[in-house]
């Protein structure tokens, strides 16, 4: 009888560990695709700091940080240094496009472009 209880306990433990491993390895749902999203530059941040779009969509960055100058600089796109106005860029190829404000090292964002 003791052997049966040990076997049942071990079987339960193995099944619990297997389920936990499956739960951890399940990929999270991808972020929703936004059509022509706007990123606001305010309070020394890009908000939102990550957007997902389809190929051919355009992202608009809007300055709203008073007289504080910023820019948007990524691989293949770069705005002027400015403290007001907006900047747009159309992304034609799928991929990940990190960007920064070259004046403020803590300001970072990313555009993910999915095949559309």
PDB file of N, CA and C in Angstrom:
ATOM      1  N   UNK A   1       0.816  -1.176   0.000  1.00  0.00           N
ATOM      2  CA  UNK A   1       0.000   0.000   0.000  1.00  0.00           C
ATOM      3  C   UNK A   1       0.867   1.249   0.000  1.00  0.00           C
ATOM      4  N   UNK A   2       1.960   1.215   0.740  1.00  0.00           N
ATOM      5  CA  UNK A   2       2.850   2.360   0.818  1.00  0.00           C
ATOM      6  C   UNK A   2       3.438   2.680  -0.553  1.00  0.00           C
ATOM      7  N   UNK A   3       3.792   1.673  -1.330  1.00  0.00           N
ATOM      8  CA  UNK A   3       4.353   1.855  -2.666  1.00  0.00           C
ATOM      9  C   UNK A   3       3.338   2.565  -3.570  1.00  0.00           C
ATOM     10  N   UNK A   4       2.074   2.226  -3.469  1.00  0.00           N
ATOM     11  CA  UNK A   4       1.024   2.833  -4.289  1.00  0.00           C
ATOM     12  C   UNK A   4       0.892   4.327  -3.981  1.00  0.00           C
ATOM     13  N   UNK A   5       0.955   4.712  -2.698  1.00  0.00           N
ATOM     14  CA  UNK A   5       0.842   6.126  -2.321  1.00  0.00           C
ATOM     15  C   UNK A   5       2.029   6.921  -2.852  1.00  0.00           C
ATOM     16  N   UNK A   6       3.217   6.344  -2.763  1.00  0.00           N
ATOM     17  CA  UNK A   6       4.408   7.016  -3.262  1.00  0.00           C
ATOM     18  C   UNK A   6       4.318   7.211  -4.775  1.00  0.00           C
ATOM     19  N   UNK A   7       3.854   6.172  -5.484  1.00  0.00           N
ATOM     20  CA  UNK A   7       3.709   6.262  -6.931  1.00  0.00           C
ATOM     21  C   UNK A   7       2.687   7.335  -7.305  1.00  0.00           C
ATOM     22  N   UNK A   8       1.576   7.397  -6.617  1.00  0.00           N
ATOM     23  CA  UNK A   8       0.532   8.388  -6.896  1.00  0.00           C
ATOM     24  C   UNK A   8       1.063   9.795  -6.641  1.00  0.00           C
ATOM     25  N   UNK A   9       1.783   9.976  -5.553  1.00  0.00           N
ATOM     26  CA  UNK A   9       2.349  11.281  -5.225  1.00  0.00           C
ATOM     27  C   UNK A   9       3.353  11.715  -6.291  1.00  0.00           C
ATOM     28  N   UNK A  10       4.235  10.796  -6.712  1.00  0.00           N
ATOM     29  CA  UNK A  10       5.225  11.118  -7.735  1.00  0.00           C
ATOM     30  C   UNK A  10       4.558  11.417  -9.078  1.00  0.00           C
ATOM     31  N   UNK A  11       3.531  10.656  -9.431  1.00  0.00           N
ATOM     32  CA  UNK A  11       2.821  10.908 -10.689  1.00  0.00           C
ATOM     33  C   UNK A  11       2.202  12.301 -10.667  1.00  0.00           C
ATOM     34  N   UNK A  12       1.585  12.670  -9.559  1.00  0.00           N
ATOM     35  CA  UNK A  12       0.996  14.002  -9.423  1.00  0.00           C
ATOM     36  C   UNK A  12       2.041  15.090  -9.532  1.00  0.00           C
ATOM     37  N   UNK A  13       3.196  14.895  -8.924  1.00  0.00           N
ATOM     38  CA  UNK A  13       4.285  15.870  -8.975  1.00  0.00           C
ATOM     39  C   UNK A  13       4.785  16.040 -10.405  1.00  0.00           C
ATOM     40  N   UNK A  14       4.985  14.928 -11.105  1.00  0.00           N
ATOM     41  CA  UNK A  14       5.467  14.982 -12.483  1.00  0.00           C
ATOM     42  C   UNK A  14       4.459  15.710 -13.367  1.00  0.00           C
ATOM     43  N   UNK A  15       3.179  15.424 -13.199  1.00  0.00           N
ATOM     44  CA  UNK A  15       2.150  16.081 -14.012  1.00  0.00           C
ATOM     45  C   UNK A  15       2.090  17.580 -13.712  1.00  0.00           C
ATOM     46  N   UNK A  16       2.236  17.961 -12.455  1.00  0.00           N
ATOM     47  CA  UNK A  16       2.231  19.366 -12.076  1.00  0.00           C
ATOM     48  C   UNK A  16       3.404  20.100 -12.703  1.00  0.00           C
ATOM     49  N   UNK A  17       4.586  19.494 -12.633  1.00  0.00           N
ATOM     50  CA  UNK A  17       5.773  20.110 -13.228  1.00  0.00           C
ATOM     51  C   UNK A  17       5.637  20.214 -14.748  1.00  0.00           C
ATOM     52  N   UNK A  18       5.075  19.197 -15.373  1.00  0.00           N
ATOM     53  CA  UNK A  18       4.895  19.225 -16.822  1.00  0.00           C
ATOM     54  C   UNK A  18       3.929  20.331 -17.223  1.00  0.00           C
ATOM     55  N   UNK A  19       2.839  20.487 -16.495  1.00  0.00           N
ATOM     56  CA  UNK A  19       1.881  21.550 -16.791  1.00  0.00           C
ATOM     57  C   UNK A  19       2.498  22.926 -16.571  1.00  0.00           C
ATOM     58  N   UNK A  20       3.280  23.057 -15.518  1.00  0.00           N
ATOM     59  CA  UNK A  20       3.935  24.346 -15.251  1.00  0.00           C
ATOM     60  C   UNK A  20       4.915  24.685 -16.372  1.00  0.00           C
ATOM     61  N   UNK A  21       5.643  23.698 -16.859  1.00  0.00           N
ATOM     62  CA  UNK A  21       6.594  23.946 -17.949  1.00  0.00           C
ATOM     63  C   UNK A  21       5.860  24.359 -19.210  1.00  0.00           C
ATOM     64  N   UNK A  22       4.732  23.741 -19.492  1.00  0.00           N
ATOM     65  CA  UNK A  22       3.945  24.111 -20.677  1.00  0.00           C
ATOM     66  C   UNK A  22       3.425  25.536 -20.544  1.00  0.00           C
ATOM     67  N   UNK A  23       2.981  25.893 -19.370  1.00  0.00           N
ATOM     68  CA  UNK A  23       2.441  27.241 -19.168  1.00  0.00           C
ATOM     69  C   UNK A  23       3.522  28.290 -19.359  1.00  0.00           C
ATOM     70  N   UNK A  24       4.737  28.015 -18.915  1.00  0.00           N
ATOM     71  CA  UNK A  24       5.825  28.978 -19.046  1.00  0.00           C
ATOM     72  C   UNK A  24       6.297  29.097 -20.483  1.00  0.00           C
ATOM     73  N   UNK A  25       6.186  28.032 -21.268  1.00  0.00           N
ATOM     74  CA  UNK A  25       6.709  28.079 -22.621  1.00  0.00           C
ATOM     75  C   UNK A  25       5.669  28.546 -23.642  1.00  0.00           C
ATOM     76  N   UNK A  26       4.429  28.720 -23.213  1.00  0.00           N
ATOM     77  CA  UNK A  26       3.402  29.197 -24.124  1.00  0.00           C
ATOM     78  C   UNK A  26       3.674  30.659 -24.449  1.00  0.00           C
ATOM     79  N   UNK A  27       3.820  30.977 -25.732  1.00  0.00           N
ATOM     80  CA  UNK A  27       4.120  32.368 -26.080  1.00  0.00           C
ATOM     81  C   UNK A  27       2.925  33.261 -25.771  1.00  0.00           C
ATOM     82  N   UNK A  28       3.226  34.483 -25.356  1.00  0.00           N
ATOM     83  CA  UNK A  28       2.153  35.422 -25.084  1.00  0.00           C
ATOM     84  C   UNK A  28       1.587  35.919 -26.406  1.00  0.00           C
ATOM     85  N   UNK A  29       0.370  36.381 -26.346  1.00  0.00           N
ATOM     86  CA  UNK A  29      -0.277  36.883 -27.554  1.00  0.00           C
ATOM     87  C   UNK A  29       0.476  38.105 -28.054  1.00  0.00           C
ATOM     88  N   UNK A  30       0.632  38.233 -29.371  1.00  0.00           N
ATOM     89  CA  UNK A  30       1.333  39.407 -29.892  1.00  0.00           C
ATOM     90  C   UNK A  30       0.518  40.670 -29.611  1.00  0.00           C
ATOM     91  N   UNK A  31       1.202  41.806 -29.483  1.00  0.00           N
ATOM     92  CA  UNK A  31       0.465  43.036 -29.241  1.00  0.00           C
ATOM     93  C   UNK A  31      -0.437  43.337 -30.436  1.00  0.00           C
ATOM     94  N   UNK A  32      -1.549  44.018 -30.186  1.00  0.00           N
ATOM     95  CA  UNK A  32      -2.451  44.314 -31.296  1.00  0.00           C
ATOM     96  C   UNK A  32      -1.794  45.250 -32.309  1.00  0.00           C
ATOM     97  N   UNK A  33      -2.156  45.068 -33.565  1.00  0.00           N
ATOM     98  CA  UNK A  33      -1.639  45.908 -34.632  1.00  0.00           C
ATOM     99  C   UNK A  33      -2.434  47.209 -34.646  1.00  0.00           C
ATOM    100  N   UNK A  34      -1.728  48.333 -34.609  1.00  0.00           N
ATOM    101  CA  UNK A  34      -2.363  49.643 -34.643  1.00  0.00           C
ATOM    102  C   UNK A  34      -2.249  50.215 -36.044  1.00  0.00           C
ATOM    103  N   UNK A  35      -3.304  50.844 -36.510  1.00  0.00           N
ATOM    104  CA  UNK A  35      -3.245  51.519 -37.798  1.00  0.00           C
ATOM    105  C   UNK A  35      -2.906  52.976 -37.553  1.00  0.00           C
ATOM    106  N   UNK A  36      -1.832  53.443 -38.134  1.00  0.00           N
ATOM    107  CA  UNK A  36      -1.384  54.833 -38.020  1.00  0.00           C
ATOM    108  C   UNK A  36      -1.346  55.332 -36.575  1.00  0.00           C
ATOM    109  N   UNK A  37      -0.568  54.670 -35.716  1.00  0.00           N
ATOM    110  CA  UNK A  37      -0.517  55.083 -34.314  1.00  0.00           C
ATOM    111  C   UNK A  37       0.226  56.411 -34.130  1.00  0.00           C
ATOM    112  N   UNK A  38      -0.092  57.066 -33.017  1.00  0.00           N
ATOM    113  CA  UNK A  38       0.590  58.298 -32.624  1.00  0.00           C
ATOM    114  C   UNK A  38       1.369  58.029 -31.355  1.00  0.00           C
ATOM    115  N   UNK A  39       2.636  58.433 -31.346  1.00  0.00           N
ATOM    116  CA  UNK A  39       3.491  58.340 -30.169  1.00  0.00           C
ATOM    117  C   UNK A  39       3.692  59.765 -29.664  1.00  0.00           C
ATOM    118  N   UNK A  40       3.358  60.004 -28.410  1.00  0.00           N
ATOM    119  CA  UNK A  40       3.519  61.325 -27.822  1.00  0.00           C
ATOM    120  C   UNK A  40       4.868  61.412 -27.127  1.00  0.00           C
ATOM    121  N   UNK A  41       5.548  62.525 -27.343  1.00  0.00           N
ATOM    122  CA  UNK A  41       6.821  62.780 -26.672  1.00  0.00           C
ATOM    123  C   UNK A  41       6.527  63.804 -25.576  1.00  0.00           C
ATOM    124  N   UNK A  42       6.495  63.332 -24.331  1.00  0.00           N
ATOM    125  CA  UNK A  42       6.182  64.184 -23.185  1.00  0.00           C
ATOM    126  C   UNK A  42       6.823  63.595 -21.936  1.00  0.00           C
ATOM    127  N   UNK A  43       7.147  64.450 -20.987  1.00  0.00           N
ATOM    128  CA  UNK A  43       7.727  64.004 -19.714  1.00  0.00           C
ATOM    129  C   UNK A  43       8.960  63.129 -19.912  1.00  0.00           C
ATOM    130  N   UNK A  44       9.753  63.486 -20.927  1.00  0.00           N
ATOM    131  CA  UNK A  44      11.003  62.765 -21.218  1.00  0.00           C
ATOM    132  C   UNK A  44      10.759  61.288 -21.541  1.00  0.00           C
ATOM    133  N   UNK A  45       9.623  61.007 -22.229  1.00  0.00           N
ATOM    134  CA  UNK A  45       9.274  59.627 -22.587  1.00  0.00           C
ATOM    135  C   UNK A  45       8.588  59.596 -23.943  1.00  0.00           C
ATOM    136  N   UNK A  46       8.653  58.428 -24.582  1.00  0.00           N
ATOM    137  CA  UNK A  46       7.838  58.117 -25.735  1.00  0.00           C
ATOM    138  C   UNK A  46       6.643  57.314 -25.220  1.00  0.00           C
ATOM    139  N   UNK A  47       5.417  57.775 -25.502  1.00  0.00           N
ATOM    140  CA  UNK A  47       4.237  57.083 -25.004  1.00  0.00           C
ATOM    141  C   UNK A  47       3.254  56.869 -26.147  1.00  0.00           C
ATOM    142  N   UNK A  48       2.929  55.610 -26.459  1.00  0.00           N
ATOM    143  CA  UNK A  48       3.504  54.392 -25.901  1.00  0.00           C
ATOM    144  C   UNK A  48       4.926  54.195 -26.415  1.00  0.00           C
ATOM    145  N   UNK A  49       5.694  53.411 -25.685  1.00  0.00           N
ATOM    146  CA  UNK A  49       7.093  53.212 -26.088  1.00  0.00           C
ATOM    147  C   UNK A  49       7.250  52.031 -27.047  1.00  0.00           C
ATOM    148  N   UNK A  50       6.158  51.324 -27.326  1.00  0.00           N
ATOM    149  CA  UNK A  50       6.196  50.227 -28.281  1.00  0.00           C
ATOM    150  C   UNK A  50       4.878  50.188 -29.034  1.00  0.00           C
ATOM    151  N   UNK A  51       4.959  50.180 -30.356  1.00  0.00           N
ATOM    152  CA  UNK A  51       3.772  50.029 -31.187  1.00  0.00           C
ATOM    153  C   UNK A  51       4.011  48.920 -32.196  1.00  0.00           C
ATOM    154  N   UNK A  52       2.943  48.243 -32.574  1.00  0.00           N
ATOM    155  CA  UNK A  52       2.996  47.200 -33.588  1.00  0.00           C
ATOM    156  C   UNK A  52       2.088  47.632 -34.726  1.00  0.00           C
ATOM    157  N   UNK A  53       2.644  47.614 -35.934  1.00  0.00           N
ATOM    158  CA  UNK A  53       1.904  48.039 -37.115  1.00  0.00           C
ATOM    159  C   UNK A  53       2.099  47.026 -38.233  1.00  0.00           C
ATOM    160  N   UNK A  54       1.310  47.160 -39.286  1.00  0.00           N
ATOM    161  CA  UNK A  54       1.471  46.326 -40.474  1.00  0.00           C
ATOM    162  C   UNK A  54       2.380  47.041 -41.472  1.00  0.00           C
ATOM    163  N   UNK A  55       2.993  46.265 -42.366  1.00  0.00           N
ATOM    164  CA  UNK A  55       3.814  46.851 -43.424  1.00  0.00           C
ATOM    165  C   UNK A  55       3.014  47.925 -44.165  1.00  0.00           C
ATOM    166  N   UNK A  56       3.676  49.037 -44.429  1.00  0.00           N
ATOM    167  CA  UNK A  56       3.038  50.123 -45.161  1.00  0.00           C
ATOM    168  C   UNK A  56       2.333  51.141 -44.283  1.00  0.00           C
ATOM    169  N   UNK A  57       2.227  50.867 -42.978  1.00  0.00           N
ATOM    170  CA  UNK A  57       1.583  51.816 -42.056  1.00  0.00           C
ATOM    171  C   UNK A  57       2.570  52.901 -41.627  1.00  0.00           C
ATOM    172  N   UNK A  58       2.008  53.994 -41.150  1.00  0.00           N
ATOM    173  CA  UNK A  58       2.786  55.165 -40.760  1.00  0.00           C
ATOM    174  C   UNK A  58       2.647  55.409 -39.265  1.00  0.00           C
ATOM    175  N   UNK A  59       3.761  55.747 -38.631  1.00  0.00           N
ATOM    176  CA  UNK A  59       3.767  56.153 -37.218  1.00  0.00           C
ATOM    177  C   UNK A  59       3.999  57.654 -37.186  1.00  0.00           C
ATOM    178  N   UNK A  60       3.260  58.337 -36.313  1.00  0.00           N
ATOM    179  CA  UNK A  60       3.426  59.774 -36.115  1.00  0.00           C
ATOM    180  C   UNK A  60       3.900  60.020 -34.689  1.00  0.00           C
ATOM    181  N   UNK A  61       4.980  60.770 -34.557  1.00  0.00           N
ATOM    182  CA  UNK A  61       5.463  61.210 -33.252  1.00  0.00           C
ATOM    183  C   UNK A  61       5.063  62.675 -33.085  1.00  0.00           C
ATOM    184  N   UNK A  62       4.487  63.012 -31.924  1.00  0.00           N
ATOM    185  CA  UNK A  62       4.024  64.374 -31.653  1.00  0.00           C
ATOM    186  C   UNK A  62       4.745  64.901 -30.413  1.00  0.00           C
ATOM    187  N   UNK A  63       5.356  66.085 -30.539  1.00  0.00           N
ATOM    188  CA  UNK A  63       6.080  66.706 -29.432  1.00  0.00           C
ATOM    189  C   UNK A  63       5.094  67.420 -28.510  1.00  0.00           C
ATOM    190  N   UNK A  64       5.177  67.121 -27.209  1.00  0.00           N
ATOM    191  CA  UNK A  64       4.315  67.745 -26.207  1.00  0.00           C
ATOM    192  C   UNK A  64       5.074  67.811 -24.882  1.00  0.00           C
ATOM    193  N   UNK A  65       6.307  68.323 -24.951  1.00  0.00           N
ATOM    194  CA  UNK A  65       7.159  68.378 -23.752  1.00  0.00           C
ATOM    195  C   UNK A  65       7.656  69.799 -23.520  1.00  0.00           C
ATOM    196  N   UNK A  66       6.745  70.778 -23.712  1.00  0.00           N
ATOM    197  CA  UNK A  66       7.117  72.171 -23.502  1.00  0.00           C
ATOM    198  C   UNK A  66       8.230  72.582 -24.453  1.00  0.00           C
ATOM    199  N   UNK A  67       9.202  73.298 -23.914  1.00  0.00           N
ATOM    200  CA  UNK A  67      10.304  73.772 -24.750  1.00  0.00           C
ATOM    201  C   UNK A  67      11.478  72.788 -24.807  1.00  0.00           C
ATOM    202  N   UNK A  68      11.316  71.605 -24.202  1.00  0.00           N
ATOM    203  CA  UNK A  68      12.378  70.597 -24.178  1.00  0.00           C
ATOM    204  C   UNK A  68      12.570  70.002 -25.583  1.00  0.00           C
ATOM    205  N   UNK A  69      13.771  70.137 -26.159  1.00  0.00           N
ATOM    206  CA  UNK A  69      14.002  69.577 -27.495  1.00  0.00           C
ATOM    207  C   UNK A  69      14.235  68.061 -27.442  1.00  0.00           C
ATOM    208  N   UNK A  70      13.763  67.389 -28.479  1.00  0.00           N
ATOM    209  CA  UNK A  70      13.943  65.939 -28.635  1.00  0.00           C
ATOM    210  C   UNK A  70      14.071  65.632 -30.118  1.00  0.00           C
ATOM    211  N   UNK A  71      14.499  64.412 -30.404  1.00  0.00           N
ATOM    212  CA  UNK A  71      14.432  63.891 -31.759  1.00  0.00           C
ATOM    213  C   UNK A  71      14.036  62.428 -31.701  1.00  0.00           C
ATOM    214  N   UNK A  72      13.806  61.864 -32.860  1.00  0.00           N
ATOM    215  CA  UNK A  72      13.474  60.449 -33.004  1.00  0.00           C
ATOM    216  C   UNK A  72      14.492  59.894 -33.987  1.00  0.00           C
ATOM    217  N   UNK A  73      15.281  58.914 -33.551  1.00  0.00           N
ATOM    218  CA  UNK A  73      16.347  58.407 -34.400  1.00  0.00           C
ATOM    219  C   UNK A  73      16.384  56.884 -34.354  1.00  0.00           C
ATOM    220  N   UNK A  74      16.164  56.271 -35.528  1.00  0.00           N
ATOM    221  CA  UNK A  74      16.219  54.820 -35.644  1.00  0.00           C
ATOM    222  C   UNK A  74      16.904  54.442 -36.942  1.00  0.00           C
ATOM    223  N   UNK A  75      17.023  53.157 -37.182  1.00  0.00           N
ATOM    224  CA  UNK A  75      17.670  52.656 -38.388  1.00  0.00           C
ATOM    225  C   UNK A  75      16.791  52.966 -39.602  1.00  0.00           C
ATOM    226  N   UNK A  76      17.196  53.958 -40.399  1.00  0.00           N
ATOM    227  CA  UNK A  76      16.459  54.310 -41.599  1.00  0.00           C
ATOM    228  C   UNK A  76      15.475  55.452 -41.442  1.00  0.00           C
ATOM    229  N   UNK A  77      15.397  56.039 -40.253  1.00  0.00           N
ATOM    230  CA  UNK A  77      14.518  57.191 -40.060  1.00  0.00           C
ATOM    231  C   UNK A  77      15.074  58.083 -38.956  1.00  0.00           C
ATOM    232  N   UNK A  78      14.931  59.400 -39.135  1.00  0.00           N
ATOM    233  CA  UNK A  78      15.434  60.346 -38.145  1.00  0.00           C
ATOM    234  C   UNK A  78      14.734  61.693 -38.331  1.00  0.00           C
ATOM    235  N   UNK A  79      14.229  62.214 -37.218  1.00  0.00           N
ATOM    236  CA  UNK A  79      13.600  63.532 -37.252  1.00  0.00           C
ATOM    237  C   UNK A  79      14.645  64.600 -36.986  1.00  0.00           C
ATOM    238  N   UNK A  80      14.239  65.829 -37.169  1.00  0.00           N
ATOM    239  CA  UNK A  80      15.047  66.965 -36.739  1.00  0.00           C
ATOM    240  C   UNK A  80      14.953  67.061 -35.220  1.00  0.00           C
ATOM    241  N   UNK A  81      15.913  67.730 -34.591  1.00  0.00           N
ATOM    242  CA  UNK A  81      15.788  68.076 -33.175  1.00  0.00           C
ATOM    243  C   UNK A  81      14.770  69.208 -33.118  1.00  0.00           C
ATOM    244  N   UNK A  82      13.717  69.017 -32.338  1.00  0.00           N
ATOM    245  CA  UNK A  82      12.656  70.006 -32.270  1.00  0.00           C
ATOM    246  C   UNK A  82      11.960  69.935 -30.919  1.00  0.00           C
ATOM    247  N   UNK A  83      11.205  70.987 -30.578  1.00  0.00           N
ATOM    248  CA  UNK A  83      10.473  71.009 -29.319  1.00  0.00           C
ATOM    249  C   UNK A  83       8.968  71.116 -29.536  1.00  0.00           C
ATOM    250  N   UNK A  84       8.541  71.166 -30.794  1.00  0.00           N
ATOM    251  CA  UNK A  84       7.114  71.168 -31.108  1.00  0.00           C
ATOM    252  C   UNK A  84       6.920  70.597 -32.503  1.00  0.00           C
ATOM    253  N   UNK A  85       5.664  70.291 -32.804  1.00  0.00           N
ATOM    254  CA  UNK A  85       5.370  69.757 -34.122  1.00  0.00           C
ATOM    255  C   UNK A  85       5.254  68.247 -34.109  1.00  0.00           C
ATOM    256  N   UNK A  86       5.485  67.653 -35.281  1.00  0.00           N
ATOM    257  CA  UNK A  86       5.359  66.207 -35.409  1.00  0.00           C
ATOM    258  C   UNK A  86       6.339  65.688 -36.464  1.00  0.00           C
ATOM    259  N   UNK A  87       6.461  64.386 -36.489  1.00  0.00           N
ATOM    260  CA  UNK A  87       7.317  63.686 -37.445  1.00  0.00           C
ATOM    261  C   UNK A  87       6.610  62.387 -37.800  1.00  0.00           C
ATOM    262  N   UNK A  88       6.595  62.026 -39.076  1.00  0.00           N
ATOM    263  CA  UNK A  88       5.986  60.762 -39.485  1.00  0.00           C
ATOM    264  C   UNK A  88       6.986  59.933 -40.269  1.00  0.00           C
ATOM    265  N   UNK A  89       6.802  58.637 -40.179  1.00  0.00           N
ATOM    266  CA  UNK A  89       7.610  57.714 -40.975  1.00  0.00           C
ATOM    267  C   UNK A  89       6.740  56.521 -41.347  1.00  0.00           C
ATOM    268  N   UNK A  90       6.806  56.122 -42.612  1.00  0.00           N
ATOM    269  CA  UNK A  90       6.086  54.948 -43.106  1.00  0.00           C
ATOM    270  C   UNK A  90       7.059  53.779 -43.162  1.00  0.00           C
ATOM    271  N   UNK A  91       6.667  52.663 -42.551  1.00  0.00           N
ATOM    272  CA  UNK A  91       7.511  51.474 -42.479  1.00  0.00           C
ATOM    273  C   UNK A  91       7.050  50.475 -43.536  1.00  0.00           C
ATOM    274  N   UNK A  92       7.928  50.150 -44.471  1.00  0.00           N
ATOM    275  CA  UNK A  92       7.550  49.291 -45.591  1.00  0.00           C
ATOM    276  C   UNK A  92       7.974  47.836 -45.432  1.00  0.00           C
ATOM    277  N   UNK A  93       8.913  47.566 -44.520  1.00  0.00           N
ATOM    278  CA  UNK A  93       9.423  46.202 -44.361  1.00  0.00           C
ATOM    279  C   UNK A  93       9.161  45.684 -42.958  1.00  0.00           C
ATOM    280  N   UNK A  94       8.747  44.411 -42.858  1.00  0.00           N
ATOM    281  CA  UNK A  94       8.532  43.783 -41.559  1.00  0.00           C
ATOM    282  C   UNK A  94       9.846  43.735 -40.783  1.00  0.00           C
ATOM    283  N   UNK A  95       9.746  43.863 -39.479  1.00  0.00           N
ATOM    284  CA  UNK A  95      10.929  43.798 -38.622  1.00  0.00           C
ATOM    285  C   UNK A  95      10.740  44.602 -37.360  1.00  0.00           C
ATOM    286  N   UNK A  96      11.802  44.689 -36.601  1.00  0.00           N
ATOM    287  CA  UNK A  96      11.810  45.431 -35.351  1.00  0.00           C
ATOM    288  C   UNK A  96      12.680  46.670 -35.530  1.00  0.00           C
ATOM    289  N   UNK A  97      12.133  47.831 -35.158  1.00  0.00           N
ATOM    290  CA  UNK A  97      12.824  49.097 -35.363  1.00  0.00           C
ATOM    291  C   UNK A  97      12.940  49.863 -34.043  1.00  0.00           C
ATOM    292  N   UNK A  98      13.998  49.604 -33.283  1.00  0.00           N
ATOM    293  CA  UNK A  98      14.205  50.392 -32.070  1.00  0.00           C
ATOM    294  C   UNK A  98      14.596  51.823 -32.436  1.00  0.00           C
ATOM    295  N   UNK A  99      14.226  52.768 -31.586  1.00  0.00           N
ATOM    296  CA  UNK A  99      14.602  54.157 -31.810  1.00  0.00           C
ATOM    297  C   UNK A  99      14.873  54.831 -30.475  1.00  0.00           C
ATOM    298  N   UNK A 100      15.558  55.975 -30.530  1.00  0.00           N
ATOM    299  CA  UNK A 100      15.939  56.715 -29.331  1.00  0.00           C
ATOM    300  C   UNK A 100      15.800  58.209 -29.597  1.00  0.00           C
ATOM    301  N   UNK A 101      15.865  58.959 -28.508  1.00  0.00           N
ATOM    302  CA  UNK A 101      16.124  60.390 -28.592  1.00  0.00           C
ATOM    303  C   UNK A 101      17.626  60.518 -28.381  1.00  0.00           C
ATOM    304  N   UNK A 102      18.340  61.058 -29.365  1.00  0.00           N
ATOM    305  CA  UNK A 102      19.797  61.118 -29.254  1.00  0.00           C
ATOM    306  C   UNK A 102      20.256  62.127 -28.208  1.00  0.00           C
ATOM    307  N   UNK A 103      19.354  63.000 -27.760  1.00  0.00           N
ATOM    308  CA  UNK A 103      19.709  63.986 -26.744  1.00  0.00           C
ATOM    309  C   UNK A 103      19.514  63.462 -25.326  1.00  0.00           C
ATOM    310  N   UNK A 104      18.693  62.419 -25.158  1.00  0.00           N
ATOM    311  CA  UNK A 104      18.349  61.904 -23.825  1.00  0.00           C
ATOM    312  C   UNK A 104      18.412  60.375 -23.856  1.00  0.00           C
ATOM    313  N   UNK A 105      19.481  59.824 -23.339  1.00  0.00           N
ATOM    314  CA  UNK A 105      19.771  58.395 -23.486  1.00  0.00           C
ATOM    315  C   UNK A 105      18.696  57.478 -22.901  1.00  0.00           C
ATOM    316  N   UNK A 106      17.917  57.941 -21.955  1.00  0.00           N
ATOM    317  CA  UNK A 106      16.889  57.090 -21.359  1.00  0.00           C
ATOM    318  C   UNK A 106      15.614  57.003 -22.178  1.00  0.00           C
ATOM    319  N   UNK A 107      15.510  57.809 -23.209  1.00  0.00           N
ATOM    320  CA  UNK A 107      14.291  57.811 -24.031  1.00  0.00           C
ATOM    321  C   UNK A 107      14.460  56.803 -25.170  1.00  0.00           C
ATOM    322  N   UNK A 108      13.707  55.701 -25.058  1.00  0.00           N
ATOM    323  CA  UNK A 108      13.806  54.631 -26.044  1.00  0.00           C
ATOM    324  C   UNK A 108      12.411  54.149 -26.420  1.00  0.00           C
ATOM    325  N   UNK A 109      12.271  53.694 -27.636  1.00  0.00           N
ATOM    326  CA  UNK A 109      11.013  53.124 -28.095  1.00  0.00           C
ATOM    327  C   UNK A 109      11.273  52.094 -29.164  1.00  0.00           C
ATOM    328  N   UNK A 110      10.193  51.470 -29.627  1.00  0.00           N
ATOM    329  CA  UNK A 110      10.351  50.454 -30.654  1.00  0.00           C
ATOM    330  C   UNK A 110       9.066  50.350 -31.474  1.00  0.00           C
ATOM    331  N   UNK A 111       9.256  50.180 -32.767  1.00  0.00           N
ATOM    332  CA  UNK A 111       8.163  49.901 -33.681  1.00  0.00           C
ATOM    333  C   UNK A 111       8.371  48.487 -34.210  1.00  0.00           C
ATOM    334  N   UNK A 112       7.357  47.648 -34.053  1.00  0.00           N
ATOM    335  CA  UNK A 112       7.390  46.308 -34.634  1.00  0.00           C
ATOM    336  C   UNK A 112       6.469  46.321 -35.833  1.00  0.00           C
ATOM    337  N   UNK A 113       7.011  45.900 -36.976  1.00  0.00           N
ATOM    338  CA  UNK A 113       6.248  45.884 -38.214  1.00  0.00           C
ATOM    339  C   UNK A 113       6.022  44.438 -38.610  1.00  0.00           C
ATOM    340  N   UNK A 114       4.742  44.067 -38.741  1.00  0.00           N
ATOM    341  CA  UNK A 114       4.399  42.700 -39.107  1.00  0.00           C
ATOM    342  C   UNK A 114       3.942  42.677 -40.568  1.00  0.00           C
ATOM    343  N   UNK A 115       4.085  41.515 -41.192  1.00  0.00           N
ATOM    344  CA  UNK A 115       3.651  41.390 -42.579  1.00  0.00           C
ATOM    345  C   UNK A 115       2.163  41.623 -42.654  1.00  0.00           C
ATOM    346  N   UNK A 116       1.761  42.430 -43.611  1.00  0.00           N
ATOM    347  CA  UNK A 116       0.350  42.797 -43.702  1.00  0.00           C
ATOM    348  C   UNK A 116      -0.253  42.227 -44.905  1.00  0.00           C
TER     349      UNK A 116
END
